[in-house]
């Protein structure tokens, strides 16, 4: 039984019958592996962290006040502001979201691609 999440390359099929695996093959499998890891990590998030991530992903980029309003609108029992900030910091440390580094009303959250750069 093969472990899940791992990609096994067969020389004949991966390289079209050649004895070499090209950079494009590696890029393709690397992206697939990163997407798989992201989805696995997302599945392990708690309900409120996953909700915050879903809101940021749906918006692409969102202000802190818009994020708070949407979060409070979607949940019947929202966490406090300090807990919400801790959860957002966790999502940033997992490289699932990022912010513009500003504080207060100027702060904006956005999704990142697999390389950690702003997506979209």
PDB file of N, CA and C in Angstrom:
ATOM      1  N   UNK A   1       0.850  -1.185   0.000  1.00  0.00           N
ATOM      2  CA  UNK A   1       0.000   0.000   0.000  1.00  0.00           C
ATOM      3  C   UNK A   1       0.890   1.241   0.000  1.00  0.00           C
ATOM      4  N   UNK A   2       0.629   2.173  -0.924  1.00  0.00           N
ATOM      5  CA  UNK A   2       1.412   3.398  -1.017  1.00  0.00           C
ATOM      6  C   UNK A   2       0.886   4.433  -0.038  1.00  0.00           C
ATOM      7  N   UNK A   3       1.787   5.224   0.563  1.00  0.00           N
ATOM      8  CA  UNK A   3       1.333   6.312   1.425  1.00  0.00           C
ATOM      9  C   UNK A   3       0.553   7.338   0.605  1.00  0.00           C
ATOM     10  N   UNK A   4      -0.474   7.939   1.206  1.00  0.00           N
ATOM     11  CA  UNK A   4      -1.250   8.948   0.489  1.00  0.00           C
ATOM     12  C   UNK A   4      -0.468  10.248   0.443  1.00  0.00           C
ATOM     13  N   UNK A   5      -0.752  11.045  -0.586  1.00  0.00           N
ATOM     14  CA  UNK A   5      -0.105  12.343  -0.716  1.00  0.00           C
ATOM     15  C   UNK A   5       1.234  12.305  -1.413  1.00  0.00           C
ATOM     16  N   UNK A   6       1.771  11.120  -1.691  1.00  0.00           N
ATOM     17  CA  UNK A   6       3.048  11.018  -2.377  1.00  0.00           C
ATOM     18  C   UNK A   6       2.821  10.685  -3.841  1.00  0.00           C
ATOM     19  N   UNK A   7       3.647  11.257  -4.681  1.00  0.00           N
ATOM     20  CA  UNK A   7       3.554  10.993  -6.107  1.00  0.00           C
ATOM     21  C   UNK A   7       4.712  10.079  -6.488  1.00  0.00           C
ATOM     22  N   UNK A   8       4.397   8.968  -7.104  1.00  0.00           N
ATOM     23  CA  UNK A   8       5.418   8.039  -7.560  1.00  0.00           C
ATOM     24  C   UNK A   8       5.562   8.196  -9.068  1.00  0.00           C
ATOM     25  N   UNK A   9       6.789   8.410  -9.530  1.00  0.00           N
ATOM     26  CA  UNK A   9       7.040   8.572 -10.948  1.00  0.00           C
ATOM     27  C   UNK A   9       7.632   7.293 -11.521  1.00  0.00           C
ATOM     28  N   UNK A  10       7.011   6.786 -12.524  1.00  0.00           N
ATOM     29  CA  UNK A  10       7.521   5.648 -13.272  1.00  0.00           C
ATOM     30  C   UNK A  10       8.259   6.235 -14.464  1.00  0.00           C
ATOM     31  N   UNK A  11       9.507   5.869 -14.659  1.00  0.00           N
ATOM     32  CA  UNK A  11      10.305   6.467 -15.731  1.00  0.00           C
ATOM     33  C   UNK A  11       9.616   6.385 -17.078  1.00  0.00           C
ATOM     34  N   UNK A  12       9.014   5.245 -17.382  1.00  0.00           N
ATOM     35  CA  UNK A  12       8.408   5.076 -18.697  1.00  0.00           C
ATOM     36  C   UNK A  12       7.190   5.971 -18.885  1.00  0.00           C
ATOM     37  N   UNK A  13       6.371   6.129 -17.842  1.00  0.00           N
ATOM     38  CA  UNK A  13       5.158   6.922 -18.015  1.00  0.00           C
ATOM     39  C   UNK A  13       5.401   8.396 -17.736  1.00  0.00           C
ATOM     40  N   UNK A  14       6.228   8.731 -16.752  1.00  0.00           N
ATOM     41  CA  UNK A  14       6.436  10.130 -16.389  1.00  0.00           C
ATOM     42  C   UNK A  14       7.198  10.888 -17.464  1.00  0.00           C
ATOM     43  N   UNK A  15       8.132  10.259 -18.095  1.00  0.00           N
ATOM     44  CA  UNK A  15       8.965  10.962 -19.072  1.00  0.00           C
ATOM     45  C   UNK A  15       8.630  10.556 -20.497  1.00  0.00           C
ATOM     46  N   UNK A  16       7.475   9.984 -20.716  1.00  0.00           N
ATOM     47  CA  UNK A  16       7.078   9.612 -22.061  1.00  0.00           C
ATOM     48  C   UNK A  16       7.996   8.569 -22.679  1.00  0.00           C
ATOM     49  N   UNK A  17       8.488   7.644 -21.877  1.00  0.00           N
ATOM     50  CA  UNK A  17       9.350   6.586 -22.393  1.00  0.00           C
ATOM     51  C   UNK A  17      10.823   6.926 -22.359  1.00  0.00           C
ATOM     52  N   UNK A  18      11.184   8.113 -21.887  1.00  0.00           N
ATOM     53  CA  UNK A  18      12.589   8.492 -21.809  1.00  0.00           C
ATOM     54  C   UNK A  18      13.148   8.170 -20.444  1.00  0.00           C
ATOM     55  N   UNK A  19      14.462   8.153 -20.356  1.00  0.00           N
ATOM     56  CA  UNK A  19      15.111   7.877 -19.075  1.00  0.00           C
ATOM     57  C   UNK A  19      15.327   9.149 -18.268  1.00  0.00           C
ATOM     58  N   UNK A  20      14.735  10.262 -18.672  1.00  0.00           N
ATOM     59  CA  UNK A  20      14.917  11.529 -17.974  1.00  0.00           C
ATOM     60  C   UNK A  20      13.562  12.087 -17.557  1.00  0.00           C
ATOM     61  N   UNK A  21      13.567  12.786 -16.457  1.00  0.00           N
ATOM     62  CA  UNK A  21      12.372  13.487 -15.996  1.00  0.00           C
ATOM     63  C   UNK A  21      12.689  14.963 -16.113  1.00  0.00           C
ATOM     64  N   UNK A  22      11.875  15.688 -16.865  1.00  0.00           N
ATOM     65  CA  UNK A  22      12.133  17.101 -17.123  1.00  0.00           C
ATOM     66  C   UNK A  22      11.649  18.015 -16.018  1.00  0.00           C
ATOM     67  N   UNK A  23      12.078  19.262 -16.108  1.00  0.00           N
ATOM     68  CA  UNK A  23      11.690  20.283 -15.140  1.00  0.00           C
ATOM     69  C   UNK A  23      10.172  20.465 -15.129  1.00  0.00           C
ATOM     70  N   UNK A  24       9.547  20.415 -16.312  1.00  0.00           N
ATOM     71  CA  UNK A  24       8.094  20.562 -16.373  1.00  0.00           C
ATOM     72  C   UNK A  24       7.384  19.457 -15.597  1.00  0.00           C
ATOM     73  N   UNK A  25       7.925  18.224 -15.680  1.00  0.00           N
ATOM     74  CA  UNK A  25       7.347  17.117 -14.917  1.00  0.00           C
ATOM     75  C   UNK A  25       7.441  17.389 -13.425  1.00  0.00           C
ATOM     76  N   UNK A  26       8.602  17.867 -12.985  1.00  0.00           N
ATOM     77  CA  UNK A  26       8.799  18.167 -11.560  1.00  0.00           C
ATOM     78  C   UNK A  26       7.899  19.302 -11.111  1.00  0.00           C
ATOM     79  N   UNK A  27       7.783  20.362 -11.931  1.00  0.00           N
ATOM     80  CA  UNK A  27       6.915  21.485 -11.585  1.00  0.00           C
ATOM     81  C   UNK A  27       5.469  21.037 -11.424  1.00  0.00           C
ATOM     82  N   UNK A  28       5.018  20.227 -12.358  1.00  0.00           N
ATOM     83  CA  UNK A  28       3.635  19.740 -12.327  1.00  0.00           C
ATOM     84  C   UNK A  28       3.375  18.948 -11.053  1.00  0.00           C
ATOM     85  N   UNK A  29       4.271  18.039 -10.716  1.00  0.00           N
ATOM     86  CA  UNK A  29       4.067  17.213  -9.527  1.00  0.00           C
ATOM     87  C   UNK A  29       4.282  18.001  -8.244  1.00  0.00           C
ATOM     88  N   UNK A  30       5.173  18.988  -8.296  1.00  0.00           N
ATOM     89  CA  UNK A  30       5.394  19.844  -7.129  1.00  0.00           C
ATOM     90  C   UNK A  30       4.146  20.649  -6.822  1.00  0.00           C
ATOM     91  N   UNK A  31       3.518  21.235  -7.854  1.00  0.00           N
ATOM     92  CA  UNK A  31       2.282  22.001  -7.642  1.00  0.00           C
ATOM     93  C   UNK A  31       1.175  21.111  -7.093  1.00  0.00           C
ATOM     94  N   UNK A  32       1.069  19.909  -7.656  1.00  0.00           N
ATOM     95  CA  UNK A  32       0.031  18.982  -7.186  1.00  0.00           C
ATOM     96  C   UNK A  32       0.265  18.617  -5.721  1.00  0.00           C
ATOM     97  N   UNK A  33       1.515  18.393  -5.346  1.00  0.00           N
ATOM     98  CA  UNK A  33       1.838  18.042  -3.958  1.00  0.00           C
ATOM     99  C   UNK A  33       1.540  19.216  -3.023  1.00  0.00           C
ATOM    100  N   UNK A  34       1.879  20.444  -3.449  1.00  0.00           N
ATOM    101  CA  UNK A  34       1.614  21.618  -2.623  1.00  0.00           C
ATOM    102  C   UNK A  34       0.115  21.825  -2.437  1.00  0.00           C
ATOM    103  N   UNK A  35      -0.652  21.634  -3.499  1.00  0.00           N
ATOM    104  CA  UNK A  35      -2.099  21.766  -3.389  1.00  0.00           C
ATOM    105  C   UNK A  35      -2.675  20.712  -2.454  1.00  0.00           C
ATOM    106  N   UNK A  36      -2.138  19.504  -2.525  1.00  0.00           N
ATOM    107  CA  UNK A  36      -2.596  18.426  -1.658  1.00  0.00           C
ATOM    108  C   UNK A  36      -2.285  18.737  -0.196  1.00  0.00           C
ATOM    109  N   UNK A  37      -1.076  19.242   0.062  1.00  0.00           N
ATOM    110  CA  UNK A  37      -0.698  19.607   1.428  1.00  0.00           C
ATOM    111  C   UNK A  37      -1.580  20.730   1.954  1.00  0.00           C
ATOM    112  N   UNK A  38      -1.873  21.718   1.101  1.00  0.00           N
ATOM    113  CA  UNK A  38      -2.736  22.835   1.511  1.00  0.00           C
ATOM    114  C   UNK A  38      -4.116  22.321   1.888  1.00  0.00           C
ATOM    115  N   UNK A  39      -4.681  21.460   1.047  1.00  0.00           N
ATOM    116  CA  UNK A  39      -6.019  20.930   1.325  1.00  0.00           C
ATOM    117  C   UNK A  39      -6.022  20.076   2.589  1.00  0.00           C
ATOM    118  N   UNK A  40      -4.955  19.288   2.815  1.00  0.00           N
ATOM    119  CA  UNK A  40      -4.849  18.504   4.044  1.00  0.00           C
ATOM    120  C   UNK A  40      -4.791  19.420   5.259  1.00  0.00           C
ATOM    121  N   UNK A  41      -3.974  20.484   5.169  1.00  0.00           N
ATOM    122  CA  UNK A  41      -3.848  21.425   6.284  1.00  0.00           C
ATOM    123  C   UNK A  41      -5.172  22.132   6.526  1.00  0.00           C
ATOM    124  N   UNK A  42      -5.848  22.522   5.450  1.00  0.00           N
ATOM    125  CA  UNK A  42      -7.144  23.196   5.585  1.00  0.00           C
ATOM    126  C   UNK A  42      -8.144  22.278   6.277  1.00  0.00           C
ATOM    127  N   UNK A  43      -8.120  20.993   5.952  1.00  0.00           N
ATOM    128  CA  UNK A  43      -9.027  20.033   6.572  1.00  0.00           C
ATOM    129  C   UNK A  43      -8.779  19.849   8.055  1.00  0.00           C
ATOM    130  N   UNK A  44      -7.563  20.181   8.511  1.00  0.00           N
ATOM    131  CA  UNK A  44      -7.231  20.041   9.925  1.00  0.00           C
ATOM    132  C   UNK A  44      -7.502  21.296  10.745  1.00  0.00           C
ATOM    133  N   UNK A  45      -7.948  22.365  10.076  1.00  0.00           N
ATOM    134  CA  UNK A  45      -8.242  23.608  10.795  1.00  0.00           C
ATOM    135  C   UNK A  45      -9.533  23.467  11.586  1.00  0.00           C
ATOM    136  N   UNK A  46      -9.607  24.198  12.676  1.00  0.00           N
ATOM    137  CA  UNK A  46     -10.846  24.260  13.438  1.00  0.00           C
ATOM    138  C   UNK A  46     -11.905  25.024  12.651  1.00  0.00           C
ATOM    139  N   UNK A  47     -13.124  24.950  13.105  1.00  0.00           N
ATOM    140  CA  UNK A  47     -14.253  25.550  12.399  1.00  0.00           C
ATOM    141  C   UNK A  47     -14.073  27.042  12.161  1.00  0.00           C
ATOM    142  N   UNK A  48     -13.661  27.794  13.167  1.00  0.00           N
ATOM    143  CA  UNK A  48     -13.557  29.246  13.043  1.00  0.00           C
ATOM    144  C   UNK A  48     -12.380  29.653  12.164  1.00  0.00           C
ATOM    145  N   UNK A  49     -11.245  28.963  12.276  1.00  0.00           N
ATOM    146  CA  UNK A  49     -10.108  29.264  11.395  1.00  0.00           C
ATOM    147  C   UNK A  49     -10.471  28.963   9.947  1.00  0.00           C
ATOM    148  N   UNK A  50     -11.144  27.843   9.736  1.00  0.00           N
ATOM    149  CA  UNK A  50     -11.539  27.478   8.371  1.00  0.00           C
ATOM    150  C   UNK A  50     -12.515  28.513   7.808  1.00  0.00           C
ATOM    151  N   UNK A  51     -13.421  29.017   8.635  1.00  0.00           N
ATOM    152  CA  UNK A  51     -14.360  30.040   8.201  1.00  0.00           C
ATOM    153  C   UNK A  51     -13.618  31.317   7.807  1.00  0.00           C
ATOM    154  N   UNK A  52     -12.675  31.758   8.631  1.00  0.00           N
ATOM    155  CA  UNK A  52     -11.895  32.951   8.296  1.00  0.00           C
ATOM    156  C   UNK A  52     -11.138  32.755   6.980  1.00  0.00           C
ATOM    157  N   UNK A  53     -10.526  31.587   6.816  1.00  0.00           N
ATOM    158  CA  UNK A  53      -9.807  31.291   5.575  1.00  0.00           C
ATOM    159  C   UNK A  53     -10.762  31.312   4.385  1.00  0.00           C
ATOM    160  N   UNK A  54     -11.920  30.703   4.526  1.00  0.00           N
ATOM    161  CA  UNK A  54     -12.901  30.668   3.435  1.00  0.00           C
ATOM    162  C   UNK A  54     -13.337  32.083   3.037  1.00  0.00           C
ATOM    163  N   UNK A  55     -13.512  32.944   4.020  1.00  0.00           N
ATOM    164  CA  UNK A  55     -13.931  34.327   3.738  1.00  0.00           C
ATOM    165  C   UNK A  55     -12.841  35.058   2.949  1.00  0.00           C
ATOM    166  N   UNK A  56     -11.592  34.920   3.393  1.00  0.00           N
ATOM    167  CA  UNK A  56     -10.487  35.584   2.690  1.00  0.00           C
ATOM    168  C   UNK A  56     -10.338  35.007   1.285  1.00  0.00           C
ATOM    169  N   UNK A  57     -10.443  33.685   1.149  1.00  0.00           N
ATOM    170  CA  UNK A  57     -10.317  33.068  -0.173  1.00  0.00           C
ATOM    171  C   UNK A  57     -11.433  33.533  -1.113  1.00  0.00           C
ATOM    172  N   UNK A  58     -12.652  33.624  -0.603  1.00  0.00           N
ATOM    173  CA  UNK A  58     -13.775  34.050  -1.439  1.00  0.00           C
ATOM    174  C   UNK A  58     -13.596  35.492  -1.909  1.00  0.00           C
ATOM    175  N   UNK A  59     -13.047  36.332  -1.041  1.00  0.00           N
ATOM    176  CA  UNK A  59     -12.867  37.745  -1.383  1.00  0.00           C
ATOM    177  C   UNK A  59     -11.608  37.966  -2.224  1.00  0.00           C
ATOM    178  N   UNK A  60     -10.592  37.141  -2.017  1.00  0.00           N
ATOM    179  CA  UNK A  60      -9.306  37.374  -2.671  1.00  0.00           C
ATOM    180  C   UNK A  60      -8.476  38.368  -1.882  1.00  0.00           C
ATOM    181  N   UNK A  61      -9.087  39.486  -1.517  1.00  0.00           N
ATOM    182  CA  UNK A  61      -8.472  40.504  -0.664  1.00  0.00           C
ATOM    183  C   UNK A  61      -9.607  41.192   0.076  1.00  0.00           C
ATOM    184  N   UNK A  62      -9.412  41.432   1.375  1.00  0.00           N
ATOM    185  CA  UNK A  62     -10.496  41.972   2.198  1.00  0.00           C
ATOM    186  C   UNK A  62      -9.915  42.786   3.341  1.00  0.00           C
ATOM    187  N   UNK A  63     -10.586  43.860   3.702  1.00  0.00           N
ATOM    188  CA  UNK A  63     -10.138  44.670   4.841  1.00  0.00           C
ATOM    189  C   UNK A  63     -10.479  43.947   6.139  1.00  0.00           C
ATOM    190  N   UNK A  64      -9.796  44.330   7.195  1.00  0.00           N
ATOM    191  CA  UNK A  64     -10.058  43.728   8.496  1.00  0.00           C
ATOM    192  C   UNK A  64     -11.484  43.947   8.956  1.00  0.00           C
ATOM    193  N   UNK A  65     -12.016  45.142   8.704  1.00  0.00           N
ATOM    194  CA  UNK A  65     -13.392  45.426   9.139  1.00  0.00           C
ATOM    195  C   UNK A  65     -14.408  44.627   8.318  1.00  0.00           C
ATOM    196  N   UNK A  66     -14.170  44.476   7.018  1.00  0.00           N
ATOM    197  CA  UNK A  66     -15.060  43.657   6.186  1.00  0.00           C
ATOM    198  C   UNK A  66     -14.989  42.191   6.604  1.00  0.00           C
ATOM    199  N   UNK A  67     -13.782  41.734   6.911  1.00  0.00           N
ATOM    200  CA  UNK A  67     -13.595  40.354   7.356  1.00  0.00           C
ATOM    201  C   UNK A  67     -14.335  40.110   8.667  1.00  0.00           C
ATOM    202  N   UNK A  68     -14.189  41.040   9.610  1.00  0.00           N
ATOM    203  CA  UNK A  68     -14.881  40.909  10.899  1.00  0.00           C
ATOM    204  C   UNK A  68     -16.395  40.855  10.694  1.00  0.00           C
ATOM    205  N   UNK A  69     -16.923  41.764   9.872  1.00  0.00           N
ATOM    206  CA  UNK A  69     -18.376  41.815   9.652  1.00  0.00           C
ATOM    207  C   UNK A  69     -18.872  40.518   9.005  1.00  0.00           C
ATOM    208  N   UNK A  70     -18.160  40.032   8.005  1.00  0.00           N
ATOM    209  CA  UNK A  70     -18.577  38.804   7.330  1.00  0.00           C
ATOM    210  C   UNK A  70     -18.474  37.601   8.271  1.00  0.00           C
ATOM    211  N   UNK A  71     -17.403  37.545   9.062  1.00  0.00           N
ATOM    212  CA  UNK A  71     -17.214  36.460  10.035  1.00  0.00           C
ATOM    213  C   UNK A  71     -18.368  36.465  11.048  1.00  0.00           C
ATOM    214  N   UNK A  72     -18.668  37.633  11.603  1.00  0.00           N
ATOM    215  CA  UNK A  72     -19.742  37.722  12.593  1.00  0.00           C
ATOM    216  C   UNK A  72     -21.098  37.415  11.983  1.00  0.00           C
ATOM    217  N   UNK A  73     -21.268  37.743  10.709  1.00  0.00           N
ATOM    218  CA  UNK A  73     -22.517  37.469  10.011  1.00  0.00           C
ATOM    219  C   UNK A  73     -22.708  35.962   9.788  1.00  0.00           C
ATOM    220  N   UNK A  74     -21.615  35.251   9.548  1.00  0.00           N
ATOM    221  CA  UNK A  74     -21.711  33.825   9.198  1.00  0.00           C
ATOM    222  C   UNK A  74     -21.750  32.891  10.398  1.00  0.00           C
ATOM    223  N   UNK A  75     -21.326  33.370  11.554  1.00  0.00           N
ATOM    224  CA  UNK A  75     -21.306  32.475  12.724  1.00  0.00           C
ATOM    225  C   UNK A  75     -22.257  32.978  13.795  1.00  0.00           C
ATOM    226  N   UNK A  76     -22.892  32.047  14.460  1.00  0.00           N
ATOM    227  CA  UNK A  76     -23.816  32.402  15.528  1.00  0.00           C
ATOM    228  C   UNK A  76     -23.115  32.787  16.814  1.00  0.00           C
ATOM    229  N   UNK A  77     -21.878  32.320  16.980  1.00  0.00           N
ATOM    230  CA  UNK A  77     -21.126  32.623  18.203  1.00  0.00           C
ATOM    231  C   UNK A  77     -19.692  33.009  17.830  1.00  0.00           C
ATOM    232  N   UNK A  78     -19.505  34.262  17.375  1.00  0.00           N
ATOM    233  CA  UNK A  78     -18.167  34.683  16.956  1.00  0.00           C
ATOM    234  C   UNK A  78     -17.198  34.764  18.130  1.00  0.00           C
ATOM    235  N   UNK A  79     -15.941  34.479  17.846  1.00  0.00           N
ATOM    236  CA  UNK A  79     -14.894  34.627  18.857  1.00  0.00           C
ATOM    237  C   UNK A  79     -14.580  36.108  19.050  1.00  0.00           C
ATOM    238  N   UNK A  80     -13.945  36.422  20.155  1.00  0.00           N
ATOM    239  CA  UNK A  80     -13.582  37.809  20.459  1.00  0.00           C
ATOM    240  C   UNK A  80     -12.544  38.314  19.455  1.00  0.00           C
ATOM    241  N   UNK A  81     -12.359  39.617  19.426  1.00  0.00           N
ATOM    242  CA  UNK A  81     -11.385  40.221  18.524  1.00  0.00           C
ATOM    243  C   UNK A  81      -9.983  39.695  18.730  1.00  0.00           C
ATOM    244  N   UNK A  82      -9.578  39.527  19.994  1.00  0.00           N
ATOM    245  CA  UNK A  82      -8.215  39.047  20.248  1.00  0.00           C
ATOM    246  C   UNK A  82      -8.050  37.596  19.796  1.00  0.00           C
ATOM    247  N   UNK A  83      -9.062  36.781  20.005  1.00  0.00           N
ATOM    248  CA  UNK A  83      -9.004  35.386  19.539  1.00  0.00           C
ATOM    249  C   UNK A  83      -8.997  35.339  18.018  1.00  0.00           C
ATOM    250  N   UNK A  84      -9.798  36.179  17.405  1.00  0.00           N
ATOM    251  CA  UNK A  84      -9.839  36.231  15.938  1.00  0.00           C
ATOM    252  C   UNK A  84      -8.479  36.653  15.383  1.00  0.00           C
ATOM    253  N   UNK A  85      -7.831  37.635  15.997  1.00  0.00           N
ATOM    254  CA  UNK A  85      -6.497  38.061  15.549  1.00  0.00           C
ATOM    255  C   UNK A  85      -5.490  36.935  15.713  1.00  0.00           C
ATOM    256  N   UNK A  86      -5.600  36.174  16.806  1.00  0.00           N
ATOM    257  CA  UNK A  86      -4.706  35.019  17.017  1.00  0.00           C
ATOM    258  C   UNK A  86      -4.917  33.975  15.920  1.00  0.00           C
ATOM    259  N   UNK A  87      -6.172  33.734  15.578  1.00  0.00           N
ATOM    260  CA  UNK A  87      -6.471  32.761  14.520  1.00  0.00           C
ATOM    261  C   UNK A  87      -5.934  33.249  13.174  1.00  0.00           C
ATOM    262  N   UNK A  88      -6.085  34.535  12.881  1.00  0.00           N
ATOM    263  CA  UNK A  88      -5.560  35.084  11.629  1.00  0.00           C
ATOM    264  C   UNK A  88      -4.035  34.995  11.607  1.00  0.00           C
ATOM    265  N   UNK A  89      -3.395  35.255  12.753  1.00  0.00           N
ATOM    266  CA  UNK A  89      -1.936  35.111  12.817  1.00  0.00           C
ATOM    267  C   UNK A  89      -1.514  33.664  12.590  1.00  0.00           C
ATOM    268  N   UNK A  90      -2.298  32.721  13.090  1.00  0.00           N
ATOM    269  CA  UNK A  90      -2.012  31.303  12.835  1.00  0.00           C
ATOM    270  C   UNK A  90      -2.105  31.000  11.346  1.00  0.00           C
ATOM    271  N   UNK A  91      -3.157  31.485  10.696  1.00  0.00           N
ATOM    272  CA  UNK A  91      -3.314  31.261   9.257  1.00  0.00           C
ATOM    273  C   UNK A  91      -2.154  31.876   8.484  1.00  0.00           C
ATOM    274  N   UNK A  92      -1.668  33.038   8.956  1.00  0.00           N
ATOM    275  CA  UNK A  92      -0.502  33.651   8.306  1.00  0.00           C
ATOM    276  C   UNK A  92       0.736  32.792   8.519  1.00  0.00           C
ATOM    277  N   UNK A  93       0.913  32.261   9.723  1.00  0.00           N
ATOM    278  CA  UNK A  93       2.098  31.433   9.984  1.00  0.00           C
ATOM    279  C   UNK A  93       2.058  30.130   9.194  1.00  0.00           C
ATOM    280  N   UNK A  94       0.858  29.650   8.850  1.00  0.00           N
ATOM    281  CA  UNK A  94       0.709  28.454   8.014  1.00  0.00           C
ATOM    282  C   UNK A  94       0.878  28.800   6.531  1.00  0.00           C
ATOM    283  N   UNK A  95       1.086  30.094   6.237  1.00  0.00           N
ATOM    284  CA  UNK A  95       1.244  30.588   4.867  1.00  0.00           C
ATOM    285  C   UNK A  95      -0.021  30.354   4.030  1.00  0.00           C
ATOM    286  N   UNK A  96      -1.176  30.456   4.679  1.00  0.00           N
ATOM    287  CA  UNK A  96      -2.449  30.307   3.977  1.00  0.00           C
ATOM    288  C   UNK A  96      -3.023  31.656   3.573  1.00  0.00           C
ATOM    289  N   UNK A  97      -2.724  32.683   4.353  1.00  0.00           N
ATOM    290  CA  UNK A  97      -3.121  34.050   4.043  1.00  0.00           C
ATOM    291  C   UNK A  97      -1.944  34.959   4.382  1.00  0.00           C
ATOM    292  N   UNK A  98      -2.055  36.222   3.991  1.00  0.00           N
ATOM    293  CA  UNK A  98      -1.056  37.230   4.348  1.00  0.00           C
ATOM    294  C   UNK A  98      -1.787  38.545   4.558  1.00  0.00           C
ATOM    295  N   UNK A  99      -1.072  39.524   5.100  1.00  0.00           N
ATOM    296  CA  UNK A  99      -1.659  40.856   5.189  1.00  0.00           C
ATOM    297  C   UNK A  99      -0.647  41.867   4.675  1.00  0.00           C
ATOM    298  N   UNK A 100      -1.076  43.111   4.568  1.00  0.00           N
ATOM    299  CA  UNK A 100      -0.221  44.146   4.000  1.00  0.00           C
ATOM    300  C   UNK A 100       0.732  44.759   5.018  1.00  0.00           C
ATOM    301  N   UNK A 101       0.737  44.271   6.248  1.00  0.00           N
ATOM    302  CA  UNK A 101       1.664  44.755   7.263  1.00  0.00           C
ATOM    303  C   UNK A 101       1.215  46.006   7.984  1.00  0.00           C
ATOM    304  N   UNK A 102       0.114  46.569   7.596  1.00  0.00           N
ATOM    305  CA  UNK A 102      -0.391  47.766   8.252  1.00  0.00           C
ATOM    306  C   UNK A 102      -1.236  47.368   9.453  1.00  0.00           C
ATOM    307  N   UNK A 103      -1.513  48.335  10.287  1.00  0.00           N
ATOM    308  CA  UNK A 103      -2.363  48.048  11.443  1.00  0.00           C
ATOM    309  C   UNK A 103      -3.641  48.877  11.344  1.00  0.00           C
ATOM    310  N   UNK A 104      -4.605  48.498  12.152  1.00  0.00           N
ATOM    311  CA  UNK A 104      -5.862  49.230  12.199  1.00  0.00           C
ATOM    312  C   UNK A 104      -6.681  49.086  10.932  1.00  0.00           C
ATOM    313  N   UNK A 105      -7.444  50.136  10.598  1.00  0.00           N
ATOM    314  CA  UNK A 105      -8.364  50.055   9.458  1.00  0.00           C
ATOM    315  C   UNK A 105      -7.668  49.866   8.105  1.00  0.00           C
ATOM    316  N   UNK A 106      -6.381  50.178   8.024  1.00  0.00           N
ATOM    317  CA  UNK A 106      -5.658  50.054   6.747  1.00  0.00           C
ATOM    318  C   UNK A 106      -5.211  48.620   6.459  1.00  0.00           C
ATOM    319  N   UNK A 107      -5.323  47.728   7.442  1.00  0.00           N
ATOM    320  CA  UNK A 107      -4.881  46.345   7.234  1.00  0.00           C
ATOM    321  C   UNK A 107      -5.812  45.627   6.276  1.00  0.00           C
ATOM    322  N   UNK A 108      -5.196  44.908   5.343  1.00  0.00           N
ATOM    323  CA  UNK A 108      -5.941  44.100   4.382  1.00  0.00           C
ATOM    324  C   UNK A 108      -5.357  42.708   4.377  1.00  0.00           C
ATOM    325  N   UNK A 109      -6.228  41.719   4.284  1.00  0.00           N
ATOM    326  CA  UNK A 109      -5.826  40.314   4.227  1.00  0.00           C
ATOM    327  C   UNK A 109      -6.052  39.814   2.810  1.00  0.00           C
ATOM    328  N   UNK A 110      -5.199  38.916   2.367  1.00  0.00           N
ATOM    329  CA  UNK A 110      -5.347  38.363   1.024  1.00  0.00           C
ATOM    330  C   UNK A 110      -4.836  36.930   0.990  1.00  0.00           C
ATOM    331  N   UNK A 111      -5.266  36.240  -0.043  1.00  0.00           N
ATOM    332  CA  UNK A 111      -4.825  34.866  -0.230  1.00  0.00           C
ATOM    333  C   UNK A 111      -3.425  34.863  -0.832  1.00  0.00           C
ATOM    334  N   UNK A 112      -2.725  33.774  -0.617  1.00  0.00           N
ATOM    335  CA  UNK A 112      -1.382  33.622  -1.184  1.00  0.00           C
ATOM    336  C   UNK A 112      -1.340  32.355  -2.014  1.00  0.00           C
ATOM    337  N   UNK A 113      -0.442  32.352  -2.993  1.00  0.00           N
ATOM    338  CA  UNK A 113      -0.283  31.134  -3.790  1.00  0.00           C
ATOM    339  C   UNK A 113       0.701  30.211  -3.088  1.00  0.00           C
ATOM    340  N   UNK A 114       1.014  29.082  -3.723  1.00  0.00           N
ATOM    341  CA  UNK A 114       1.853  28.079  -3.075  1.00  0.00           C
ATOM    342  C   UNK A 114       3.268  28.572  -2.791  1.00  0.00           C
ATOM    343  N   UNK A 115       3.694  29.668  -3.441  1.00  0.00           N
ATOM    344  CA  UNK A 115       5.034  30.200  -3.196  1.00  0.00           C
ATOM    345  C   UNK A 115       5.032  31.240  -2.086  1.00  0.00           C
ATOM    346  N   UNK A 116       3.853  31.576  -1.569  1.00  0.00           N
ATOM    347  CA  UNK A 116       3.774  32.570  -0.493  1.00  0.00           C
ATOM    348  C   UNK A 116       3.537  33.980  -0.990  1.00  0.00           C
ATOM    349  N   UNK A 117       3.351  34.167  -2.305  1.00  0.00           N
ATOM    350  CA  UNK A 117       3.097  35.475  -2.868  1.00  0.00           C
ATOM    351  C   UNK A 117       1.606  35.724  -3.020  1.00  0.00           C
ATOM    352  N   UNK A 118       1.242  37.003  -3.001  1.00  0.00           N
ATOM    353  CA  UNK A 118      -0.160  37.392  -3.172  1.00  0.00           C
ATOM    354  C   UNK A 118      -0.688  36.794  -4.459  1.00  0.00           C
ATOM    355  N   UNK A 119      -1.851  36.162  -4.362  1.00  0.00           N
ATOM    356  CA  UNK A 119      -2.440  35.561  -5.564  1.00  0.00           C
ATOM    357  C   UNK A 119      -3.489  36.492  -6.134  1.00  0.00           C
ATOM    358  N   UNK A 120      -3.759  36.301  -7.413  1.00  0.00           N
ATOM    359  CA  UNK A 120      -4.809  37.077  -8.064  1.00  0.00           C
ATOM    360  C   UNK A 120      -4.360  38.334  -8.539  1.00  0.00           C
TER     361      UNK A 120
END
